[in-house]
Amino acid sequence: MEIIMNKQHHEILKELRQKHGLKQSDVSKILGCANYTYQRYEYGLLLMPIDKLIILADYYNVSTDYILGRTRNPAPPSMI
């Protein structure tokens, strides 16, 4: 796997949210966290826990590596 670090994870979180027409408060409800907590994830002030990362990857139908900026390919891994 080719590792590419082009965008920061918090930039990708914001792009995905906007692409899906969501507000920060919508995503905080999806994650079951306070709005200010999600804002801190998106601003890069707080690292997102793994369980929350997985929830968003599943919700947006992308890989966790995509959210983390480790690949440009958003496709989630295939389930075997």
C-alpha atoms as a PDB file:
ATOM      1  CA  MET A   1       0.000   0.000   0.000  1.00  0.00           C
ATOM      2  CA  GLU A   2       1.291   3.398  -0.971  1.00  0.00           C
ATOM      3  CA  ILE A   3       1.185   5.883   1.883  1.00  0.00           C
ATOM      4  CA  ILE A   4       0.460   9.445   0.845  1.00  0.00           C
ATOM      5  CA  MET A   5       0.272  12.265   3.345  1.00  0.00           C
ATOM      6  CA  ASN A   6      -1.354  15.123   1.472  1.00  0.00           C
ATOM      7  CA  LYS A   7      -4.142  16.365   3.742  1.00  0.00           C
ATOM      8  CA  GLN A   8      -4.523  16.402   7.470  1.00  0.00           C
ATOM      9  CA  HIS A   9      -7.252  14.184   8.915  1.00  0.00           C
ATOM     10  CA  HIS A  10      -9.178  17.155  10.279  1.00  0.00           C
ATOM     11  CA  GLU A  11      -9.357  18.693   6.790  1.00  0.00           C
ATOM     12  CA  ILE A  12     -10.727  15.422   5.427  1.00  0.00           C
ATOM     13  CA  LEU A  13     -13.334  15.249   8.209  1.00  0.00           C
ATOM     14  CA  LYS A  14     -14.590  18.697   7.236  1.00  0.00           C
ATOM     15  CA  GLU A  15     -14.632  17.874   3.513  1.00  0.00           C
ATOM     16  CA  LEU A  16     -16.590  14.662   4.078  1.00  0.00           C
ATOM     17  CA  ARG A  17     -19.095  16.430   6.321  1.00  0.00           C
ATOM     18  CA  GLN A  18     -19.643  19.210   3.805  1.00  0.00           C
ATOM     19  CA  LYS A  19     -19.849  16.774   0.873  1.00  0.00           C
ATOM     20  CA  HIS A  20     -22.689  14.977   2.675  1.00  0.00           C
ATOM     21  CA  GLY A  21     -24.493  18.227   3.479  1.00  0.00           C
ATOM     22  CA  LEU A  22     -24.121  17.836   7.232  1.00  0.00           C
ATOM     23  CA  LYS A  23     -23.579  20.367   9.997  1.00  0.00           C
ATOM     24  CA  GLN A  24     -21.105  19.740  12.793  1.00  0.00           C
ATOM     25  CA  SER A  25     -24.038  19.181  15.138  1.00  0.00           C
ATOM     26  CA  ASP A  26     -25.341  16.427  12.812  1.00  0.00           C
ATOM     27  CA  VAL A  27     -22.026  14.587  12.948  1.00  0.00           C
ATOM     28  CA  SER A  28     -21.763  14.979  16.715  1.00  0.00           C
ATOM     29  CA  LYS A  29     -25.166  13.252  17.001  1.00  0.00           C
ATOM     30  CA  ILE A  30     -23.988  10.432  14.727  1.00  0.00           C
ATOM     31  CA  LEU A  31     -20.926   9.981  16.948  1.00  0.00           C
ATOM     32  CA  GLY A  32     -22.827  10.390  20.214  1.00  0.00           C
ATOM     33  CA  CYS A  33     -20.572  13.170  21.437  1.00  0.00           C
ATOM     34  CA  ALA A  34     -20.937  16.824  22.336  1.00  0.00           C
ATOM     35  CA  ASN A  35     -20.894  19.314  19.483  1.00  0.00           C
ATOM     36  CA  TYR A  36     -17.813  21.075  20.908  1.00  0.00           C
ATOM     37  CA  THR A  37     -16.002  17.718  21.013  1.00  0.00           C
ATOM     38  CA  TYR A  38     -16.631  17.118  17.323  1.00  0.00           C
ATOM     39  CA  GLN A  39     -15.610  20.698  16.564  1.00  0.00           C
ATOM     40  CA  ARG A  40     -12.279  20.001  18.258  1.00  0.00           C
ATOM     41  CA  TYR A  41     -11.817  16.873  16.089  1.00  0.00           C
ATOM     42  CA  GLU A  42     -12.527  18.861  12.946  1.00  0.00           C
ATOM     43  CA  TYR A  43     -10.270  21.766  13.934  1.00  0.00           C
ATOM     44  CA  GLY A  44      -7.421  19.348  14.683  1.00  0.00           C
ATOM     45  CA  LEU A  45      -7.342  20.218  18.379  1.00  0.00           C
ATOM     46  CA  LEU A  46      -8.327  16.751  19.606  1.00  0.00           C
ATOM     47  CA  LEU A  47      -7.568  13.310  18.201  1.00  0.00           C
ATOM     48  CA  MET A  48     -10.614  11.228  17.404  1.00  0.00           C
ATOM     49  CA  PRO A  49     -10.858   7.895  19.247  1.00  0.00           C
ATOM     50  CA  ILE A  50     -10.705   4.787  17.073  1.00  0.00           C
ATOM     51  CA  ASP A  51     -14.333   3.826  17.716  1.00  0.00           C
ATOM     52  CA  LYS A  52     -15.509   7.236  16.474  1.00  0.00           C
ATOM     53  CA  LEU A  53     -13.217   7.003  13.445  1.00  0.00           C
ATOM     54  CA  ILE A  54     -14.758   3.654  12.514  1.00  0.00           C
ATOM     55  CA  ILE A  55     -18.291   5.031  12.919  1.00  0.00           C
ATOM     56  CA  LEU A  56     -17.544   7.867  10.491  1.00  0.00           C
ATOM     57  CA  ALA A  57     -15.754   5.616   8.007  1.00  0.00           C
ATOM     58  CA  ASP A  58     -18.807   3.345   7.954  1.00  0.00           C
ATOM     59  CA  TYR A  59     -21.222   6.276   7.754  1.00  0.00           C
ATOM     60  CA  TYR A  60     -19.375   7.942   4.865  1.00  0.00           C
ATOM     61  CA  ASN A  61     -18.547   4.561   3.263  1.00  0.00           C
ATOM     62  CA  VAL A  62     -14.818   5.296   3.111  1.00  0.00           C
ATOM     63  CA  SER A  63     -11.771   3.637   4.610  1.00  0.00           C
ATOM     64  CA  THR A  64     -10.244   4.766   7.876  1.00  0.00           C
ATOM     65  CA  ASP A  65      -6.972   5.226   5.972  1.00  0.00           C
ATOM     66  CA  TYR A  66      -8.736   7.741   3.734  1.00  0.00           C
ATOM     67  CA  ILE A  67      -9.951   9.761   6.724  1.00  0.00           C
ATOM     68  CA  LEU A  68      -6.469   9.625   8.224  1.00  0.00           C
ATOM     69  CA  GLY A  69      -4.954  10.945   4.993  1.00  0.00           C
ATOM     70  CA  ARG A  70      -2.939   7.789   4.363  1.00  0.00           C
ATOM     71  CA  THR A  71      -4.459   7.157   0.932  1.00  0.00           C
ATOM     72  CA  ARG A  72      -6.285   9.129  -1.735  1.00  0.00           C
ATOM     73  CA  ASN A  73      -8.549   6.146  -2.455  1.00  0.00           C
ATOM     74  CA  PRO A  74     -11.707   6.534  -0.388  1.00  0.00           C
ATOM     75  CA  ALA A  75     -12.985   3.011  -1.086  1.00  0.00           C
ATOM     76  CA  PRO A  76     -13.492   0.971   2.074  1.00  0.00           C
ATOM     77  CA  PRO A  77     -11.800  -2.431   2.250  1.00  0.00           C
ATOM     78  CA  SER A  78     -13.853  -5.254   0.793  1.00  0.00           C
ATOM     79  CA  MET A  79     -15.389  -7.619   3.286  1.00  0.00           C
ATOM     80  CA  ILE A  80     -14.380 -11.234   2.661  1.00  0.00           C
END
